[in-house]
Amino acid sequence: MNVKVLKNEDRELRLRIVGGTHTTLQMFRSRLNGMDDVEYANYFQNHPDLDDPELFLRTVKGKKAEKILSKVCSDISKELSKIKL
């Protein structure tokens, strides 16, 4: 999945997730909103066939959005690597 950074300003991060699905973005949104360091997280999809979805993250004062997202990515990756088929 390719990611294009649209905005990266300390507490705010906006990413375009090329090929992202509602399932993937919902997982990020729910985990981010469950963190104390996150003020707001959501994703937006304009036209489902024409536009790639965007993920927006705003952290509480004193926390960097990029670091928070990196931690969530790492946590998800660790959990998924434990799946045995």
Protein backbone atom coordinates (compact mmCIF):
# COMPACT_ATOMS: atom_id res chain seq x y z
CA MET A 1 0.00 0.00 0.00
CA ASN A 2 1.50 3.32 -1.06
CA VAL A 3 1.12 6.36 1.16
CA LYS A 4 1.38 10.00 0.08
CA VAL A 5 1.93 12.59 2.81
CA LEU A 6 -0.38 15.54 2.22
CA LYS A 7 0.29 17.33 5.51
CA ASN A 8 2.80 16.74 8.29
CA GLU A 9 2.78 19.58 10.81
CA ASP A 10 3.82 18.42 14.26
CA ARG A 11 0.41 17.54 15.78
CA GLU A 12 -1.44 16.99 12.48
CA LEU A 13 -0.90 14.40 9.79
CA ARG A 14 -2.92 13.85 6.62
CA LEU A 15 -2.13 10.92 4.36
CA ARG A 16 -3.54 9.64 1.08
CA ILE A 17 -3.63 5.84 1.23
CA VAL A 18 -3.34 4.54 -2.34
CA GLY A 19 -5.36 1.35 -2.61
CA GLY A 20 -6.62 1.66 0.98
CA THR A 21 -9.92 0.03 1.92
CA HIS A 22 -12.55 0.87 4.50
CA THR A 23 -11.46 -2.17 6.50
CA THR A 24 -7.85 -1.03 6.73
CA LEU A 25 -8.66 2.60 7.46
CA GLN A 26 -11.31 1.71 10.03
CA MET A 27 -8.70 -0.36 11.87
CA PHE A 28 -6.34 2.63 12.01
CA ARG A 29 -9.11 5.05 12.95
CA SER A 30 -10.43 2.95 15.81
CA ARG A 31 -6.98 2.25 17.26
CA LEU A 32 -5.90 5.88 16.98
CA ASN A 33 -9.09 7.20 18.59
CA GLY A 34 -8.60 4.74 21.44
CA MET A 35 -5.28 6.33 22.40
CA ASP A 36 -5.01 9.03 25.06
CA ASP A 37 -2.46 10.93 22.96
CA VAL A 38 -4.88 11.32 20.05
CA GLU A 39 -7.32 14.22 19.95
CA TYR A 40 -9.01 13.20 16.68
CA ALA A 41 -8.56 10.61 13.94
CA ASN A 42 -10.76 9.89 10.93
CA TYR A 43 -10.62 8.87 7.32
CA PHE A 44 -12.41 10.30 4.31
CA GLN A 45 -13.32 8.78 0.97
CA ASN A 46 -14.72 11.12 -1.65
CA HIS A 47 -15.68 9.03 -4.66
CA PRO A 48 -15.03 5.32 -4.02
CA ASP A 49 -14.06 4.56 -7.63
CA LEU A 50 -12.14 7.73 -8.43
CA ASP A 51 -10.42 8.87 -5.23
CA ASP A 52 -8.06 7.20 -2.80
CA PRO A 53 -9.04 7.58 0.85
CA GLU A 54 -7.28 9.99 3.21
CA LEU A 55 -6.44 9.46 6.87
CA PHE A 56 -6.32 12.47 9.19
CA LEU A 57 -4.74 12.47 12.64
CA ARG A 58 -4.45 15.23 15.26
CA THR A 59 -2.68 14.59 18.55
CA VAL A 60 -2.88 16.30 21.91
CA LYS A 61 -0.48 19.13 22.58
CA GLY A 62 3.12 17.97 22.97
CA LYS A 63 2.75 14.73 20.97
CA LYS A 64 3.94 14.24 17.39
CA ALA A 65 1.41 12.71 15.02
CA GLU A 66 4.08 10.94 12.98
CA LYS A 67 5.39 9.09 16.04
CA ILE A 68 1.89 8.07 17.16
CA LEU A 69 1.04 6.69 13.70
CA SER A 70 4.36 4.84 13.55
CA LYS A 71 3.59 3.15 16.87
CA VAL A 72 0.13 2.09 15.70
CA CYS A 73 1.61 0.67 12.47
CA SER A 74 4.17 -1.28 14.49
CA ASP A 75 1.52 -2.62 16.88
CA ILE A 76 -0.73 -3.75 14.02
CA SER A 77 2.18 -5.38 12.23
CA LYS A 78 3.15 -7.33 15.36
CA GLU A 79 -0.43 -8.52 15.89
CA LEU A 80 -0.85 -9.61 12.27
CA SER A 81 2.46 -11.47 12.28
CA LYS A 82 1.10 -13.71 15.06
CA ILE A 83 -1.72 -15.04 12.88
CA LYS A 84 -1.28 -18.71 12.01
CA LEU A 85 -3.16 -20.24 9.10
